Amino acid sequence: MFLLAHKRYEILLLDFDGTLVSTLDSFVYSANKALSLMGFNVSLESLYTSLTKPFDKVVESLVGPLEAMIKQELIDKYIEIYNTEGYKYSKPNKGALEVLDHLTNNGVKLGIVTSRTLLCDSIQRTLEHLSLAKYVSTLVTARDVARPKPHPDQHLLALRRLGGTASHALSVGDSPEDIQGSRGAGIRVAAYTKGFYTYDQLAPFNPDYVIHELTELLQLF
């Protein structure tokens, strides 16, 4: 059991996709259905490889050049499917519920800082579906700032909303952008190696901590 009698940090800022929640199955399900409905045939292997990045950024690499109207229709269909059914294929990463429950019970404030732009409306729905919403005090998406990650604006906004300071906060994420955004805000950062990026991809960005399981966060508080 981890005790937080002498808290090192009072705030934890979490990336959403790949860090707190495993969402790749949701992305693939939604993209596969949208593509199929519009007559495109793309292998699941290609979708799993490509959809570590937003659908609108990779769709033409999957199906080739598209007219602007067709591309937008495909993106809109993807969003609709994700928001109505695709999000249900997401699941908390191992240890997520234990970490959130333990930290909030010990007075730590939790916020989510996500690079999402397309699927922002489904985040709260996903959190509620996975019984995680009650732990999260603020949600900052890329839509909320002029300069999203890797700039520090999202992390700074989350701190303001939570009434905290960088020196009393820890951030955790699975991408170089998470590390860069945290560093720019003066927040110590833990790189999570079981998301969309590997240890070898994250290590060159010099995170303060490296964790392979979310439960390792409890040792940092």
C-alpha atoms as a PDB file:
ATOM      1  CA  MET A   1       0.000   0.000   0.000  1.00  0.00           C
ATOM      2  CA  PHE A   2       1.259   3.482  -0.871  1.00  0.00           C
ATOM      3  CA  LEU A   3       0.935   6.247   1.720  1.00  0.00           C
ATOM      4  CA  LEU A   4       0.832   9.923   0.806  1.00  0.00           C
ATOM      5  CA  ALA A   5       1.615  11.389   4.229  1.00  0.00           C
ATOM      6  CA  HIS A   6       4.242  13.687   2.735  1.00  0.00           C
ATOM      7  CA  LYS A   7       2.909  14.566  -0.686  1.00  0.00           C
ATOM      8  CA  ARG A   8       5.526  15.533  -3.219  1.00  0.00           C
ATOM      9  CA  TYR A   9       2.869  16.691  -5.689  1.00  0.00           C
ATOM     10  CA  GLU A  10      -0.643  18.023  -5.230  1.00  0.00           C
ATOM     11  CA  ILE A  11      -1.754  17.878  -8.873  1.00  0.00           C
ATOM     12  CA  LEU A  12      -1.527  15.179 -11.531  1.00  0.00           C
ATOM     13  CA  LEU A  13      -2.104  16.105 -15.177  1.00  0.00           C
ATOM     14  CA  LEU A  14      -2.742  13.136 -17.444  1.00  0.00           C
ATOM     15  CA  ASP A  15      -2.735  12.732 -21.177  1.00  0.00           C
ATOM     16  CA  PHE A  16      -5.885  10.917 -22.321  1.00  0.00           C
ATOM     17  CA  ASP A  17      -5.306   8.752 -25.410  1.00  0.00           C
ATOM     18  CA  GLY A  18      -2.753   6.032 -24.807  1.00  0.00           C
ATOM     19  CA  THR A  19      -1.975   7.141 -21.256  1.00  0.00           C
ATOM     20  CA  LEU A  20      -5.106   7.117 -19.125  1.00  0.00           C
ATOM     21  CA  VAL A  21      -7.289   5.279 -21.616  1.00  0.00           C
ATOM     22  CA  SER A  22      -6.553   2.769 -24.368  1.00  0.00           C
ATOM     23  CA  THR A  23      -8.484   4.252 -27.292  1.00  0.00           C
ATOM     24  CA  LEU A  24      -6.886   2.658 -30.347  1.00  0.00           C
ATOM     25  CA  ASP A  25      -9.642   0.039 -30.715  1.00  0.00           C
ATOM     26  CA  SER A  26     -12.194   2.869 -30.746  1.00  0.00           C
ATOM     27  CA  PHE A  27     -10.291   4.737 -33.451  1.00  0.00           C
ATOM     28  CA  VAL A  28      -9.961   1.621 -35.593  1.00  0.00           C
ATOM     29  CA  TYR A  29     -13.593   0.559 -35.188  1.00  0.00           C
ATOM     30  CA  SER A  30     -14.872   4.016 -36.133  1.00  0.00           C
ATOM     31  CA  ALA A  31     -12.498   4.481 -39.054  1.00  0.00           C
ATOM     32  CA  ASN A  32     -13.144   1.005 -40.428  1.00  0.00           C
ATOM     33  CA  LYS A  33     -16.908   1.504 -40.357  1.00  0.00           C
ATOM     34  CA  ALA A  34     -16.735   4.999 -41.866  1.00  0.00           C
ATOM     35  CA  LEU A  35     -14.412   3.869 -44.648  1.00  0.00           C
ATOM     36  CA  SER A  36     -16.537   0.807 -45.413  1.00  0.00           C
ATOM     37  CA  LEU A  37     -19.739   2.854 -45.587  1.00  0.00           C
ATOM     38  CA  MET A  38     -18.098   5.111 -48.159  1.00  0.00           C
ATOM     39  CA  GLY A  39     -16.769   2.245 -50.250  1.00  0.00           C
ATOM     40  CA  PHE A  40     -13.133   2.190 -49.152  1.00  0.00           C
ATOM     41  CA  ASN A  41     -11.366  -1.038 -48.264  1.00  0.00           C
ATOM     42  CA  VAL A  42      -8.465  -0.603 -45.830  1.00  0.00           C
ATOM     43  CA  SER A  43      -6.903  -3.440 -43.853  1.00  0.00           C
ATOM     44  CA  LEU A  44      -7.214  -3.483 -40.081  1.00  0.00           C
ATOM     45  CA  GLU A  45      -3.443  -3.799 -39.883  1.00  0.00           C
ATOM     46  CA  SER A  46      -3.042  -0.506 -41.738  1.00  0.00           C
ATOM     47  CA  LEU A  47      -5.594   1.167 -39.492  1.00  0.00           C
ATOM     48  CA  TYR A  48      -3.903  -0.001 -36.299  1.00  0.00           C
ATOM     49  CA  THR A  49      -0.559   1.225 -37.603  1.00  0.00           C
ATOM     50  CA  SER A  50      -1.809   4.620 -38.799  1.00  0.00           C
ATOM     51  CA  LEU A  51      -4.348   5.623 -36.167  1.00  0.00           C
ATOM     52  CA  THR A  52      -1.840   6.446 -33.490  1.00  0.00           C
ATOM     53  CA  LYS A  53      -2.271   9.819 -35.212  1.00  0.00           C
ATOM     54  CA  PRO A  54      -5.598  11.648 -35.766  1.00  0.00           C
ATOM     55  CA  PHE A  55      -7.807  10.281 -38.525  1.00  0.00           C
ATOM     56  CA  ASP A  56      -7.976  13.566 -40.440  1.00  0.00           C
ATOM     57  CA  LYS A  57      -4.162  13.665 -40.590  1.00  0.00           C
ATOM     58  CA  VAL A  58      -3.734  10.156 -42.012  1.00  0.00           C
ATOM     59  CA  VAL A  59      -6.878   9.443 -44.041  1.00  0.00           C
ATOM     60  CA  GLU A  60      -5.286  10.269 -47.396  1.00  0.00           C
ATOM     61  CA  SER A  61      -2.266   8.112 -46.613  1.00  0.00           C
ATOM     62  CA  LEU A  62      -4.756   5.265 -46.153  1.00  0.00           C
ATOM     63  CA  VAL A  63      -6.941   5.758 -49.240  1.00  0.00           C
ATOM     64  CA  GLY A  64      -5.048   8.171 -51.480  1.00  0.00           C
ATOM     65  CA  PRO A  65      -5.846  11.774 -52.478  1.00  0.00           C
ATOM     66  CA  LEU A  66      -9.449  12.858 -51.926  1.00  0.00           C
ATOM     67  CA  GLU A  67     -11.583  15.740 -53.105  1.00  0.00           C
ATOM     68  CA  ALA A  68     -12.105  18.168 -50.235  1.00  0.00           C
ATOM     69  CA  MET A  69     -15.842  17.457 -50.025  1.00  0.00           C
ATOM     70  CA  ILE A  70     -15.360  13.682 -49.944  1.00  0.00           C
ATOM     71  CA  LYS A  71     -12.617  13.958 -47.341  1.00  0.00           C
ATOM     72  CA  GLN A  72     -14.797  16.104 -45.084  1.00  0.00           C
ATOM     73  CA  GLU A  73     -17.750  13.744 -45.476  1.00  0.00           C
ATOM     74  CA  LEU A  74     -15.525  10.836 -44.471  1.00  0.00           C
ATOM     75  CA  ILE A  75     -14.180  12.705 -41.447  1.00  0.00           C
ATOM     76  CA  ASP A  76     -17.695  13.724 -40.392  1.00  0.00           C
ATOM     77  CA  LYS A  77     -18.884  10.130 -40.653  1.00  0.00           C
ATOM     78  CA  TYR A  78     -15.908   8.957 -38.589  1.00  0.00           C
ATOM     79  CA  ILE A  79     -16.709  11.504 -35.876  1.00  0.00           C
ATOM     80  CA  GLU A  80     -20.390  10.546 -35.841  1.00  0.00           C
ATOM     81  CA  ILE A  81     -19.602   6.842 -35.491  1.00  0.00           C
ATOM     82  CA  TYR A  82     -17.015   7.463 -32.788  1.00  0.00           C
ATOM     83  CA  ASN A  83     -19.321   9.713 -30.770  1.00  0.00           C
ATOM     84  CA  THR A  84     -22.293   7.349 -30.914  1.00  0.00           C
ATOM     85  CA  GLU A  85     -20.720   3.904 -30.620  1.00  0.00           C
ATOM     86  CA  GLY A  86     -16.982   3.819 -31.243  1.00  0.00           C
ATOM     87  CA  TYR A  87     -16.034   5.295 -27.867  1.00  0.00           C
ATOM     88  CA  LYS A  88     -17.465   2.201 -26.169  1.00  0.00           C
ATOM     89  CA  TYR A  89     -14.495   0.160 -27.408  1.00  0.00           C
ATOM     90  CA  SER A  90     -12.086   2.149 -25.230  1.00  0.00           C
ATOM     91  CA  LYS A  91     -10.890   0.831 -21.896  1.00  0.00           C
ATOM     92  CA  PRO A  92      -8.852   2.180 -18.979  1.00  0.00           C
ATOM     93  CA  ASN A  93      -5.189   1.329 -19.138  1.00  0.00           C
ATOM     94  CA  LYS A  94      -4.014  -1.161 -16.545  1.00  0.00           C
ATOM     95  CA  GLY A  95      -3.900   0.403 -13.100  1.00  0.00           C
ATOM     96  CA  ALA A  96      -5.717   3.602 -14.109  1.00  0.00           C
ATOM     97  CA  LEU A  97      -8.692   3.151 -11.800  1.00  0.00           C
ATOM     98  CA  GLU A  98      -6.479   2.197  -8.849  1.00  0.00           C
ATOM     99  CA  VAL A  99      -4.245   5.236  -9.342  1.00  0.00           C
ATOM    100  CA  LEU A 100      -7.065   7.743  -9.764  1.00  0.00           C
ATOM    101  CA  ASP A 101      -9.003   6.380  -6.818  1.00  0.00           C
ATOM    102  CA  HIS A 102      -5.999   6.331  -4.492  1.00  0.00           C
ATOM    103  CA  LEU A 103      -4.711   9.779  -5.406  1.00  0.00           C
ATOM    104  CA  THR A 104      -8.056  11.564  -5.213  1.00  0.00           C
ATOM    105  CA  ASN A 105      -8.801   9.902  -1.875  1.00  0.00           C
ATOM    106  CA  ASN A 106      -5.547  11.451  -0.665  1.00  0.00           C
ATOM    107  CA  GLY A 107      -6.404  14.945  -1.851  1.00  0.00           C
ATOM    108  CA  VAL A 108      -4.549  15.043  -5.168  1.00  0.00           C
ATOM    109  CA  LYS A 109      -6.330  17.030  -7.893  1.00  0.00           C
ATOM    110  CA  LEU A 110      -6.491  15.410 -11.315  1.00  0.00           C
ATOM    111  CA  GLY A 111      -6.761  17.012 -14.726  1.00  0.00           C
ATOM    112  CA  ILE A 112      -6.695  15.722 -18.290  1.00  0.00           C
ATOM    113  CA  VAL A 113      -4.644  17.509 -20.942  1.00  0.00           C
ATOM    114  CA  THR A 114      -5.321  16.096 -24.403  1.00  0.00           C
ATOM    115  CA  SER A 115      -4.237  16.993 -27.929  1.00  0.00           C
ATOM    116  CA  ARG A 116      -7.616  15.983 -29.309  1.00  0.00           C
ATOM    117  CA  THR A 117      -9.419  18.302 -31.676  1.00  0.00           C
ATOM    118  CA  LEU A 118     -11.730  16.026 -33.693  1.00  0.00           C
ATOM    119  CA  LEU A 119     -13.214  13.941 -30.903  1.00  0.00           C
ATOM    120  CA  CYS A 120     -13.315  16.312 -27.934  1.00  0.00           C
ATOM    121  CA  ASP A 121     -17.062  15.911 -27.445  1.00  0.00           C
ATOM    122  CA  SER A 122     -16.697  12.206 -26.678  1.00  0.00           C
ATOM    123  CA  ILE A 123     -14.083  12.468 -23.923  1.00  0.00           C
ATOM    124  CA  GLN A 124     -16.532  13.157 -21.108  1.00  0.00           C
ATOM    125  CA  ARG A 125     -18.820  10.436 -22.456  1.00  0.00           C
ATOM    126  CA  THR A 126     -15.904   7.998 -22.454  1.00  0.00           C
ATOM    127  CA  LEU A 127     -14.903   8.932 -18.909  1.00  0.00           C
ATOM    128  CA  GLU A 128     -18.453   8.361 -17.718  1.00  0.00           C
ATOM    129  CA  HIS A 129     -18.710   5.072 -19.606  1.00  0.00           C
ATOM    130  CA  LEU A 130     -15.514   3.860 -17.908  1.00  0.00           C
ATOM    131  CA  SER A 131     -16.486   5.189 -14.440  1.00  0.00           C
ATOM    132  CA  LEU A 132     -13.538   7.613 -14.439  1.00  0.00           C
ATOM    133  CA  ALA A 133     -15.363  10.944 -14.696  1.00  0.00           C
ATOM    134  CA  LYS A 134     -15.782  11.418 -10.943  1.00  0.00           C
ATOM    135  CA  TYR A 135     -12.015  11.599 -10.484  1.00  0.00           C
ATOM    136  CA  VAL A 136     -11.303  14.333 -13.038  1.00  0.00           C
ATOM    137  CA  SER A 137     -11.549  17.978 -11.954  1.00  0.00           C
ATOM    138  CA  THR A 138     -10.713  19.629 -15.270  1.00  0.00           C
ATOM    139  CA  LEU A 139     -10.352  18.731 -18.934  1.00  0.00           C
ATOM    140  CA  VAL A 140      -8.224  20.800 -21.306  1.00  0.00           C
ATOM    141  CA  THR A 141      -8.358  19.949 -25.014  1.00  0.00           C
ATOM    142  CA  ALA A 142      -6.433  21.387 -27.929  1.00  0.00           C
ATOM    143  CA  ARG A 143      -9.507  23.473 -28.727  1.00  0.00           C
ATOM    144  CA  ASP A 144      -9.134  25.414 -25.484  1.00  0.00           C
ATOM    145  CA  VAL A 145      -5.885  27.178 -26.359  1.00  0.00           C
ATOM    146  CA  ALA A 146      -4.279  28.952 -29.279  1.00  0.00           C
ATOM    147  CA  ARG A 147      -1.136  26.814 -29.064  1.00  0.00           C
ATOM    148  CA  PRO A 148      -1.705  23.171 -28.076  1.00  0.00           C
ATOM    149  CA  LYS A 149       0.976  20.644 -27.153  1.00  0.00           C
ATOM    150  CA  PRO A 150       3.959  20.641 -27.618  1.00  0.00           C
ATOM    151  CA  HIS A 151       3.508  24.249 -26.427  1.00  0.00           C
ATOM    152  CA  PRO A 152       2.884  24.665 -22.674  1.00  0.00           C
ATOM    153  CA  ASP A 153      -0.435  26.531 -22.949  1.00  0.00           C
ATOM    154  CA  GLN A 154      -2.669  23.541 -22.169  1.00  0.00           C
ATOM    155  CA  HIS A 155      -0.714  22.560 -19.072  1.00  0.00           C
ATOM    156  CA  LEU A 156      -0.661  26.148 -17.838  1.00  0.00           C
ATOM    157  CA  LEU A 157      -4.424  26.448 -18.333  1.00  0.00           C
ATOM    158  CA  ALA A 158      -4.989  23.216 -16.408  1.00  0.00           C
ATOM    159  CA  LEU A 159      -2.887  24.542 -13.526  1.00  0.00           C
ATOM    160  CA  ARG A 160      -4.892  27.764 -13.418  1.00  0.00           C
ATOM    161  CA  ARG A 161      -8.166  25.882 -13.386  1.00  0.00           C
ATOM    162  CA  LEU A 162      -6.960  23.636 -10.568  1.00  0.00           C
ATOM    163  CA  GLY A 163      -5.509  26.509  -8.572  1.00  0.00           C
ATOM    164  CA  GLY A 164      -2.044  25.001  -8.423  1.00  0.00           C
ATOM    165  CA  THR A 165       1.549  25.783  -9.285  1.00  0.00           C
ATOM    166  CA  ALA A 166       4.008  24.000 -11.536  1.00  0.00           C
ATOM    167  CA  SER A 167       6.316  23.107  -8.654  1.00  0.00           C
ATOM    168  CA  HIS A 168       3.524  21.115  -6.991  1.00  0.00           C
ATOM    169  CA  ALA A 169       2.351  19.336 -10.146  1.00  0.00           C
ATOM    170  CA  LEU A 170       3.333  16.209 -12.040  1.00  0.00           C
ATOM    171  CA  SER A 171       2.366  15.392 -15.608  1.00  0.00           C
ATOM    172  CA  VAL A 172       2.242  11.987 -17.291  1.00  0.00           C
ATOM    173  CA  GLY A 173       2.015  11.247 -20.994  1.00  0.00           C
ATOM    174  CA  ASP A 174       3.022   8.829 -23.707  1.00  0.00           C
ATOM    175  CA  SER A 175       4.291  11.185 -26.420  1.00  0.00           C
ATOM    176  CA  PRO A 176       7.144  13.624 -27.044  1.00  0.00           C
ATOM    177  CA  GLU A 177       4.550  16.418 -27.187  1.00  0.00           C
ATOM    178  CA  ASP A 178       3.430  15.576 -23.649  1.00  0.00           C
ATOM    179  CA  ILE A 179       6.995  15.865 -22.392  1.00  0.00           C
ATOM    180  CA  GLN A 180       7.654  19.103 -24.262  1.00  0.00           C
ATOM    181  CA  GLY A 181       4.403  20.733 -23.154  1.00  0.00           C
ATOM    182  CA  SER A 182       5.017  19.816 -19.532  1.00  0.00           C
ATOM    183  CA  ARG A 183       8.605  21.001 -19.604  1.00  0.00           C
ATOM    184  CA  GLY A 184       7.594  24.307 -21.157  1.00  0.00           C
ATOM    185  CA  ALA A 185       5.151  24.841 -18.298  1.00  0.00           C
ATOM    186  CA  GLY A 186       7.819  24.051 -15.697  1.00  0.00           C
ATOM    187  CA  ILE A 187       6.101  20.822 -14.653  1.00  0.00           C
ATOM    188  CA  ARG A 188       7.964  17.605 -13.937  1.00  0.00           C
ATOM    189  CA  VAL A 189       6.882  14.854 -16.302  1.00  0.00           C
ATOM    190  CA  ALA A 190       6.700  11.065 -16.293  1.00  0.00           C
ATOM    191  CA  ALA A 191       6.902   9.302 -19.654  1.00  0.00           C
ATOM    192  CA  TYR A 192       4.567   6.305 -19.930  1.00  0.00           C
ATOM    193  CA  THR A 193       6.021   3.632 -22.201  1.00  0.00           C
ATOM    194  CA  LYS A 194       2.949   1.488 -22.886  1.00  0.00           C
ATOM    195  CA  GLY A 195       1.020   4.031 -24.930  1.00  0.00           C
ATOM    196  CA  PHE A 196       1.564   5.086 -28.531  1.00  0.00           C
ATOM    197  CA  TYR A 197       5.330   5.635 -28.184  1.00  0.00           C
ATOM    198  CA  THR A 198       8.093   3.348 -26.962  1.00  0.00           C
ATOM    199  CA  TYR A 199      10.796   3.999 -24.400  1.00  0.00           C
ATOM    200  CA  ASP A 200      13.365   4.472 -27.170  1.00  0.00           C
ATOM    201  CA  GLN A 201      11.169   7.134 -28.775  1.00  0.00           C
ATOM    202  CA  LEU A 202      10.559   8.977 -25.499  1.00  0.00           C
ATOM    203  CA  ALA A 203      13.954   8.779 -23.793  1.00  0.00           C
ATOM    204  CA  PRO A 204      15.670  11.379 -26.048  1.00  0.00           C
ATOM    205  CA  PHE A 205      13.236  13.997 -24.697  1.00  0.00           C
ATOM    206  CA  ASN A 206      14.641  13.509 -21.185  1.00  0.00           C
ATOM    207  CA  PRO A 207      11.535  13.041 -19.043  1.00  0.00           C
ATOM    208  CA  ASP A 208      12.023  13.401 -15.292  1.00  0.00           C
ATOM    209  CA  TYR A 209      10.653   9.913 -14.726  1.00  0.00           C
ATOM    210  CA  VAL A 210       9.939   6.862 -16.853  1.00  0.00           C
ATOM    211  CA  ILE A 211       7.107   4.513 -15.904  1.00  0.00           C
ATOM    212  CA  HIS A 212       6.083   1.244 -17.499  1.00  0.00           C
ATOM    213  CA  GLU A 213       2.910   0.825 -15.430  1.00  0.00           C
ATOM    214  CA  LEU A 214       0.539   3.543 -14.253  1.00  0.00           C
ATOM    215  CA  THR A 215       0.687   2.204 -10.705  1.00  0.00           C
ATOM    216  CA  GLU A 216       4.316   3.338 -10.560  1.00  0.00           C
ATOM    217  CA  LEU A 217       2.942   6.879 -10.282  1.00  0.00           C
ATOM    218  CA  LEU A 218       1.915   6.151  -6.711  1.00  0.00           C
ATOM    219  CA  GLN A 219       5.564   5.940  -5.718  1.00  0.00           C
ATOM    220  CA  LEU A 220       6.096   9.517  -6.903  1.00  0.00           C
ATOM    221  CA  PHE A 221       3.524  11.098  -4.583  1.00  0.00           C
END
